[in-house]
Protein backbone atom coordinates (compact mmCIF):
# COMPACT_ATOMS: atom_id res chain seq x y z
CA MET A 1 20.17 65.01 -2.96
CA SER A 2 17.60 66.55 -5.22
CA PRO A 3 13.95 65.84 -4.43
CA GLU A 4 12.26 63.02 -6.38
CA SER A 5 10.46 64.30 -9.46
CA PRO A 6 6.66 63.96 -9.63
CA GLN A 7 7.09 61.60 -12.59
CA ALA A 8 9.52 59.39 -10.65
CA SER A 9 7.29 59.40 -7.58
CA ARG A 10 4.44 58.00 -9.67
CA ALA A 11 6.61 55.24 -11.17
CA THR A 12 6.26 51.62 -10.06
CA LYS A 13 9.30 50.85 -7.92
CA ILE A 14 10.81 47.45 -8.67
CA CYS A 15 14.05 45.69 -7.70
CA GLU A 16 16.57 43.66 -9.67
CA ARG A 17 15.23 40.43 -8.16
CA CYS A 18 11.70 41.01 -9.48
CA ILE A 19 13.08 41.84 -12.94
CA GLY A 20 15.28 38.74 -12.86
CA ARG A 21 12.31 36.57 -11.88
CA ALA A 22 10.80 37.40 -15.29
CA PHE A 23 13.70 35.45 -16.84
CA ALA A 24 13.96 32.67 -14.23
CA SER A 25 14.29 29.89 -16.81
CA VAL A 26 17.12 31.63 -18.66
CA GLY A 27 20.52 30.29 -17.63
CA THR A 28 21.48 28.00 -14.78
CA GLY A 29 23.54 28.44 -11.65
CA ILE A 30 22.60 32.08 -11.12
CA SER A 31 20.02 33.73 -8.88
CA ASN A 32 17.13 35.97 -9.90
CA PRO A 33 18.87 39.09 -8.50
CA GLU A 34 21.85 38.25 -10.73
CA ARG A 35 19.57 37.77 -13.72
CA GLY A 36 17.96 41.13 -13.05
CA HIS A 37 21.33 42.85 -12.68
CA ASN A 38 22.58 41.32 -15.94
CA PHE A 39 19.42 42.40 -17.71
CA LEU A 40 19.83 46.00 -16.55
CA GLN A 41 23.52 46.02 -17.44
CA GLY A 42 22.60 45.13 -21.00
CA ASN A 43 19.86 47.74 -21.25
CA GLU A 44 19.73 51.48 -20.82
CA ASN A 45 17.20 52.45 -18.15
CA ASN A 46 15.24 54.36 -20.75
CA SER A 47 14.76 51.10 -22.67
CA LEU A 48 12.74 49.68 -19.79
CA PRO A 49 8.97 49.86 -20.04
CA GLU A 50 7.73 53.31 -19.17
CA GLY A 51 6.71 53.91 -15.59
CA LEU A 52 9.29 51.66 -13.85
CA ALA A 53 11.92 52.81 -11.40
CA ILE A 54 14.72 50.56 -10.11
CA VAL A 55 15.04 50.46 -6.29
CA GLY A 56 16.40 48.18 -3.58
CA GLU A 57 14.36 45.17 -2.44
CA ASP A 58 13.23 46.87 0.75
CA ALA A 59 11.52 49.62 -1.31
CA CYS A 60 10.19 47.32 -4.07
CA GLN A 61 6.43 47.51 -4.51
CA ILE A 62 6.22 43.89 -5.65
CA CYS A 63 8.36 41.75 -3.35
CA ARG A 64 8.32 44.33 -0.53
CA GLY A 65 11.58 42.99 0.85
CA VAL A 66 10.23 39.56 1.84
CA PHE A 67 13.38 37.82 0.61
CA GLN A 68 15.47 39.94 2.98
CA ARG A 69 13.43 38.61 5.89
CA LEU A 70 13.87 34.87 5.24
CA ASP A 71 15.97 34.41 8.38
CA ASP A 72 13.26 36.11 10.45
CA TYR A 73 10.64 33.83 8.92
CA PHE A 74 12.80 30.84 9.76
CA GLN A 75 13.08 31.89 13.40
CA GLU A 76 9.30 32.10 13.66
CA PHE A 77 8.84 28.80 11.84
CA ASN A 78 11.46 27.07 13.97
CA GLU A 79 9.73 28.20 17.16
CA GLN A 80 6.38 26.84 16.01
CA ALA A 81 7.83 23.59 14.65
CA ARG A 82 10.06 22.91 17.64
CA SER A 83 7.80 20.17 19.05
CA ILE A 84 6.95 18.58 15.67
CA GLU A 85 8.84 15.49 14.54
CA PHE A 86 9.49 15.50 10.80
CA LYS A 87 12.17 14.39 8.35
CA THR A 88 10.84 15.96 5.15
CA TYR A 89 8.92 19.14 4.37
CA LEU A 90 7.27 21.11 1.60
CA VAL A 91 6.97 24.91 1.54
CA GLY A 92 3.96 26.73 0.16
CA SER A 93 2.98 30.38 0.36
CA ARG A 94 0.15 32.85 -0.07
CA PHE A 95 0.82 36.38 -1.31
CA PRO A 96 -1.55 39.35 -1.34
CA LYS A 97 -3.58 39.40 -4.54
CA ASP A 98 -2.21 42.78 -5.64
CA VAL A 99 1.37 41.51 -5.34
CA SER A 100 0.67 38.54 -7.63
CA GLU A 101 -1.12 40.79 -10.11
CA MET A 102 1.74 43.32 -10.18
CA ASP A 103 4.25 40.48 -10.59
CA GLU A 104 2.36 39.11 -13.60
CA ALA A 105 1.93 42.59 -15.10
CA LEU A 106 5.69 43.29 -14.82
CA GLN A 107 6.58 40.08 -16.64
CA ARG A 108 4.10 40.87 -19.39
CA SER A 109 5.52 44.39 -19.77
CA LEU A 110 9.02 42.92 -20.15
CA GLY A 111 7.71 40.66 -22.90
CA SER A 112 8.90 37.56 -21.06
CA ASP A 113 7.36 34.11 -21.16
CA GLN A 114 10.29 32.57 -19.27
CA GLY A 115 9.49 33.75 -15.76
CA GLU A 116 8.17 32.21 -12.57
CA PRO A 117 5.59 33.41 -10.03
CA ILE A 118 6.85 35.18 -6.94
CA LYS A 119 5.42 32.46 -4.71
CA ARG A 120 7.50 29.79 -6.48
CA GLU A 121 10.71 31.75 -5.86
CA PHE A 122 9.74 32.31 -2.23
CA ASN A 123 8.95 28.62 -1.69
CA ARG A 124 12.31 27.62 -3.15
CA GLU A 125 14.38 30.19 -1.29
CA PHE A 126 12.68 29.59 2.05
CA GLY A 127 13.08 25.85 1.52
CA LYS A 128 16.82 26.39 1.06
CA ILE A 129 16.97 28.24 4.38
CA ILE A 130 15.23 25.36 6.17
CA LEU A 131 17.59 22.84 4.54
CA SER A 132 20.69 24.82 5.48
CA LYS A 133 19.63 25.32 9.09
CA THR A 134 18.03 21.93 9.87
CA GLY A 135 19.53 19.48 7.38
CA LYS A 136 16.03 18.20 6.61
CA GLU A 137 15.14 17.56 2.97
CA ALA A 138 12.31 18.94 0.85
CA GLU A 139 9.85 16.32 -0.42
CA PHE A 140 7.27 17.11 -3.10
CA SER A 141 5.02 14.03 -3.03
CA GLU A 142 4.40 13.05 0.60
CA PRO A 143 6.25 15.37 3.00
CA ASP A 144 5.99 14.82 6.73
CA LEU A 145 5.30 18.53 7.21
CA ASN A 146 3.50 21.00 4.95
CA ILE A 147 4.52 24.59 5.66
CA VAL A 148 2.36 27.39 4.31
CA VAL A 149 3.62 30.95 4.83
CA ASP A 150 0.84 33.52 4.57
CA LEU A 151 2.48 36.77 3.44
CA ASN A 152 -0.81 38.61 3.92
CA TYR A 153 -0.36 38.33 7.68
CA ASP A 154 3.21 37.02 8.10
CA SER A 155 1.77 33.88 9.68
CA PHE A 156 2.41 30.14 9.37
CA GLN A 157 0.16 27.12 8.86
CA LEU A 158 1.90 23.86 9.73
CA LYS A 159 0.17 20.59 8.90
CA THR A 160 1.70 17.16 9.37
CA ARG A 161 1.05 14.18 7.13
CA SER A 162 -1.18 11.47 8.58
CA ILE A 163 0.34 8.26 9.90
CA TYR A 164 -1.22 4.98 8.73
CA ILE A 165 -1.06 1.80 10.81
CA TYR A 166 -2.14 -1.57 9.42
CA GLY A 167 -3.41 -4.30 11.70
CA VAL A 168 -5.95 -7.06 12.29
CA TYR A 169 -8.62 -6.90 14.98
CA ARG A 170 -10.81 -9.47 16.70
CA LYS A 171 -13.98 -8.38 18.53
CA MET A 172 -15.32 -10.63 21.30
CA ARG A 173 -18.46 -8.72 22.27
CA ARG A 174 -21.86 -7.89 20.79
CA ASP A 175 -22.40 -4.30 21.82
CA ILE A 176 -19.66 -2.33 20.11
CA PRO A 177 -19.53 -0.92 16.57
CA GLN A 178 -16.45 -0.74 14.39
CA THR A 179 -16.42 3.06 14.07
CA ARG A 180 -17.85 6.03 15.96
CA TRP A 181 -21.61 6.49 15.72
CA ILE A 182 -22.05 10.25 15.78
CA HIS A 183 -25.82 9.89 15.33
CA LYS A 184 -26.19 7.68 18.43
CA LYS A 185 -24.80 9.41 21.49
CA ASP A 186 -25.68 6.49 23.78
CA ILE A 187 -22.97 4.38 22.08
CA SER A 188 -19.69 6.09 22.92
CA THR A 189 -17.30 3.14 22.60
CA SER A 190 -16.17 1.63 19.32
CA ILE A 191 -13.16 -0.26 18.02
CA GLU A 192 -12.11 3.03 16.46
CA THR A 193 -12.24 4.94 19.75
CA VAL A 194 -10.53 2.22 21.78
CA LEU A 195 -7.57 2.28 19.38
CA GLY A 196 -7.74 6.00 18.66
CA GLU A 197 -7.84 7.25 22.23
CA ILE A 198 -4.69 5.22 22.97
CA LEU A 199 -2.98 6.34 19.76
CA LYS A 200 -3.87 10.02 20.08
CA PRO A 201 -1.55 10.85 23.01
CA MET A 202 1.17 8.51 21.74
CA ALA A 203 1.36 10.50 18.49
CA GLN A 204 0.13 13.81 19.96
CA ALA A 205 -2.42 13.75 17.16
CA ARG A 206 -5.45 15.90 16.45
CA ASN A 207 -7.78 13.08 15.38
CA TYR A 208 -7.98 9.49 14.12
CA PHE A 209 -10.03 7.38 11.70
CA LEU A 210 -10.42 3.63 11.29
CA HIS A 211 -10.59 2.22 7.75
CA GLY A 212 -11.82 -1.36 7.76
CA ALA A 213 -11.81 -4.13 5.17
CA GLY A 214 -15.59 -4.26 5.45
CA ARG A 215 -17.45 -4.23 8.75
CA GLU A 216 -19.64 -6.44 10.90
CA ASP A 217 -22.86 -5.38 12.65
CA VAL A 218 -22.59 -4.03 16.17
CA ASP A 219 -24.07 -7.25 17.61
CA VAL A 220 -21.78 -9.57 15.62
CA GLN A 221 -18.53 -10.94 17.00
CA MET A 222 -15.45 -10.88 14.76
CA LEU A 223 -13.50 -14.04 15.66
CA GLY A 224 -11.13 -16.44 13.91
CA ASN A 225 -8.34 -14.76 11.95
CA GLY A 226 -9.80 -11.29 12.46
CA ARG A 227 -10.56 -8.34 10.18
CA GLU A 228 -7.92 -6.15 8.55
CA PHE A 229 -7.93 -2.44 9.27
CA ILE A 230 -5.82 0.68 8.85
CA MET A 231 -5.83 3.39 11.50
CA GLU A 232 -5.24 6.88 10.17
CA VAL A 233 -3.67 9.18 12.75
CA SER A 234 -4.43 12.75 11.71
CA GLU A 235 -1.98 15.65 12.19
CA PRO A 236 0.49 13.87 14.51
CA ARG A 237 3.31 15.81 16.16
CA ILE A 238 5.22 12.57 16.94
CA ARG A 239 5.90 10.07 14.14
CA THR A 240 7.99 7.40 15.87
CA PHE A 241 6.43 5.36 18.64
CA SER A 242 6.16 1.71 19.63
CA LEU A 243 3.53 -0.36 17.85
CA GLY A 244 4.25 -3.07 20.39
CA GLU A 245 3.21 -0.68 23.14
CA LEU A 246 0.02 0.17 21.22
CA GLU A 247 -0.84 -3.52 20.86
CA GLN A 248 -0.15 -4.16 24.52
CA LYS A 249 -2.33 -1.26 25.68
CA VAL A 250 -5.27 -2.17 23.43
CA ASN A 251 -5.17 -5.87 24.27
CA GLY A 252 -4.86 -5.06 27.95
CA SER A 253 -7.73 -2.57 27.96
CA ARG A 254 -10.38 -5.22 28.79
CA GLU A 255 -12.62 -3.81 26.07
CA GLY A 256 -13.14 -7.17 24.37
CA ILE A 257 -10.85 -6.24 21.47
CA GLU A 258 -7.60 -7.81 20.35
CA ILE A 259 -5.27 -6.43 17.69
CA SER A 260 -2.24 -8.02 15.99
CA SER A 261 0.09 -7.86 12.96
CA LEU A 262 0.66 -4.12 13.42
CA ARG A 263 2.95 -2.26 11.01
CA PHE A 264 3.22 1.21 9.55
CA ALA A 265 1.39 1.51 6.23
CA SER A 266 0.79 4.05 3.48
CA LYS A 267 -2.22 6.07 2.38
CA ASP A 268 -2.44 4.07 -0.86
CA GLU A 269 -3.06 0.89 1.12
CA VAL A 270 -6.39 2.25 2.40
CA ALA A 271 -8.01 2.03 -1.04
CA THR A 272 -6.59 -1.48 -1.58
CA LEU A 273 -7.90 -2.60 1.80
CA LYS A 274 -11.40 -1.25 1.19
CA ALA A 275 -11.55 -2.81 -2.28
CA ALA A 276 -10.85 -6.33 -0.94
CA ALA A 277 -13.72 -8.77 -1.50
CA ASN A 278 -13.11 -11.98 0.44
CA ASP A 279 -15.43 -14.85 1.21
CA LYS A 280 -16.38 -15.11 4.89
CA THR A 281 -17.48 -18.00 7.05
CA TYR A 282 -20.15 -17.36 9.67
CA LEU A 283 -21.59 -19.33 12.56
CA VAL A 284 -25.29 -18.58 13.01
CA LYS A 285 -27.42 -19.61 15.97
CA VAL A 286 -30.92 -20.02 14.52
CA LYS A 287 -34.17 -20.16 16.52
CA ALA A 288 -37.51 -21.62 15.43
CA LEU A 289 -40.93 -21.30 17.05
CA LYS A 290 -40.94 -25.06 17.78
CA ASP A 291 -38.40 -27.86 17.88
CA ILE A 292 -36.17 -28.04 14.80
CA ASP A 293 -36.82 -30.89 12.38
CA ARG A 294 -33.19 -31.83 11.76
CA GLU A 295 -33.79 -33.85 8.60
CA ARG A 296 -35.86 -31.09 7.05
CA LEU A 297 -33.20 -28.51 8.00
CA LEU A 298 -30.46 -30.65 6.42
CA LYS A 299 -32.43 -30.80 3.18
CA ALA A 300 -33.03 -27.03 3.34
CA VAL A 301 -29.34 -26.16 3.64
CA GLN A 302 -28.50 -28.63 0.84
CA LYS A 303 -30.81 -26.63 -1.45
CA LEU A 304 -28.84 -23.46 -0.63
CA SER A 305 -25.28 -24.78 -0.54
CA GLY A 306 -23.34 -23.83 -3.67
CA LYS A 307 -26.27 -21.80 -5.02
CA HIS A 308 -26.89 -18.13 -5.83
CA ILE A 309 -29.36 -16.02 -3.90
CA TYR A 310 -30.80 -12.61 -4.69
CA GLN A 311 -30.90 -9.96 -2.02
CA ARG A 312 -32.68 -6.65 -2.23
CA THR A 313 -31.17 -4.02 0.07
CA PRO A 314 -32.38 -5.00 3.57
CA LEU A 315 -35.09 -2.96 5.25
CA ARG A 316 -32.83 -2.31 8.24
CA VAL A 317 -30.32 -0.37 6.10
CA SER A 318 -32.60 0.86 3.32
CA THR A 319 -32.49 4.48 4.52
CA ARG A 320 -28.68 4.54 4.27
CA ARG A 321 -27.98 2.46 1.16
CA SER A 322 -29.17 2.36 -2.44
CA ASP A 323 -32.09 0.07 -3.19
CA LEU A 324 -30.38 -2.63 -5.26
CA ILE A 325 -30.75 -6.34 -5.90
CA ARG A 326 -27.49 -8.22 -5.32
CA ASP A 327 -26.60 -11.64 -6.69
CA LYS A 328 -24.54 -13.51 -4.07
CA LYS A 329 -23.18 -17.04 -4.04
CA LEU A 330 -23.35 -19.28 -0.98
CA GLN A 331 -20.22 -21.41 -1.22
CA GLU A 332 -21.29 -23.85 1.47
CA VAL A 333 -24.06 -24.13 4.08
CA THR A 334 -23.99 -26.86 6.76
CA VAL A 335 -25.85 -27.73 9.95
CA GLU A 336 -23.43 -27.99 12.88
CA GLU A 337 -25.90 -28.99 15.60
CA THR A 338 -29.55 -28.92 16.65
CA ASN A 339 -31.02 -28.78 20.14
CA GLY A 340 -34.73 -28.27 20.63
CA ASN A 341 -35.79 -25.15 18.77
CA ILE A 342 -32.18 -24.01 18.31
CA ALA A 343 -29.82 -24.91 15.47
CA VAL A 344 -26.27 -23.82 14.66
CA VAL A 345 -25.61 -23.29 10.96
CA LYS A 346 -22.27 -22.58 9.30
CA VAL A 347 -22.29 -20.46 6.14
CA ARG A 348 -19.44 -19.64 3.78
CA ALA A 349 -20.60 -16.85 1.50
CA GLU A 350 -19.39 -14.34 -1.02
CA ALA A 351 -18.34 -10.91 0.26
CA GLY A 352 -21.27 -8.58 0.82
CA THR A 353 -23.87 -11.27 1.61
CA TYR A 354 -26.42 -10.26 4.23
CA ILE A 355 -26.41 -13.30 6.52
CA LYS A 356 -29.24 -12.29 8.85
CA GLU A 357 -31.52 -11.78 5.85
CA LEU A 358 -30.37 -15.12 4.40
CA ILE A 359 -31.85 -16.75 7.49
CA HIS A 360 -35.14 -14.89 8.02
CA GLY A 361 -35.83 -13.75 4.43
CA ASP A 362 -36.48 -10.06 5.19
CA ASP A 363 -40.15 -10.22 4.14
CA GLY A 364 -39.24 -11.81 0.82
CA ARG A 365 -36.45 -9.39 -0.06
CA THR A 366 -33.91 -12.27 0.07
CA LYS A 367 -34.79 -15.23 -2.16
CA PRO A 368 -34.38 -18.01 -1.49
CA SER A 369 -33.82 -17.79 2.26
CA LEU A 370 -33.31 -20.53 4.82
CA SER A 371 -36.77 -19.83 6.24
CA GLU A 372 -38.25 -20.32 2.77
CA THR A 373 -36.42 -23.56 2.01
CA TYR A 374 -37.08 -24.93 5.53
CA GLY A 375 -40.75 -24.04 5.31
CA GLU A 376 -41.02 -22.17 8.61
CA GLN A 377 -39.98 -18.77 9.87
CA LEU A 378 -36.55 -18.78 11.47
CA ALA A 379 -34.84 -16.05 13.45
CA VAL A 380 -31.19 -15.22 14.16
CA GLU A 381 -30.27 -15.57 17.83
CA SER A 382 -26.61 -14.72 17.32
CA LEU A 383 -24.09 -14.35 14.52
CA ASP A 384 -20.30 -14.59 14.47
CA VAL A 385 -17.74 -14.13 11.72
CA ILE A 386 -15.37 -17.02 12.30
CA TRP A 387 -13.07 -16.74 9.27
CA ILE A 388 -12.19 -14.30 6.49
CA HIS A 389 -10.75 -16.16 3.50
CA ARG A 390 -7.88 -13.85 2.53
CA ASN A 391 -5.34 -14.82 -0.12
CA GLY A 392 -7.12 -18.04 -0.96
CA GLU A 393 -7.35 -19.22 2.67
């Protein structure tokens, strides 16, 4: 064999597949290598753009033989994915920048606007290998497993789709927040952590997040029909497990939390849940400095019942929330009982009403308040959510 000429040695070496990829949208039922072969059959080599030399895929300067190693990539993928439960997948890839640039330059030199990027061909062909060897189907919208092959380092990134679990919780204690408080290390328990730390090993997950339909203060009990929530289980390796077992473990944990109505949900339901704006009924234990005048208190709540109040963002949350004035309607306010300097008041109010501030007035930031209409300063001893009026309840 004669030695390669200096001119040939300086030529860009490309394979039939990379030429065929420039015409990927031409014809159906044939592969890119076949398209490239057909193109060369219909053209003399000297009609190709100057500076190109046709070689096998293993010597190609663009694809560098990656399509010949698909089975090897599958073996590596299969080893890493062995302990991951999934039914659907989506393949993605990252190629070295110079490969993508050479691929684009080749297609431009061939005058083609009917090609596809090398990464798209790789994603498709590797996806076919996974289908043929596992029987699992590709899914483009919400796959269970996202597979990214990094051709810079011949490495894999596998990320599983989050699992979403809908439910309703009741909270029978006054010292536990709904979600983790990362800024207060002395409070390590939350509804989120109680559920999440049970869920995490069940799903072999990396993390978890609770999305609630609103929230109550840490010192407020959530009773009655409970509050809706969705638990997001992040990067699970197991997708099928017993929700009945989850409910049993949480309710038996003696953490003062009960959950019910569990079912698997979707990501889209999170936004719907958070957008819900339902009236709530509260039971408030109110304390005065001296014995309650029942008749005066009855008249005070009558002035508020069915009326609108205006609430400026409370002082206690003013550093975390925008300073706004909110118009909220009190559907009904009643006195349930009085005993000395203690009264129990029931309030049904529009979503987003600050009930504590409704009672004490928040230095005039809530107007009118119960303290204002009663004529004396009142304080909140305890507060419970006793009903959330969902679906017209």
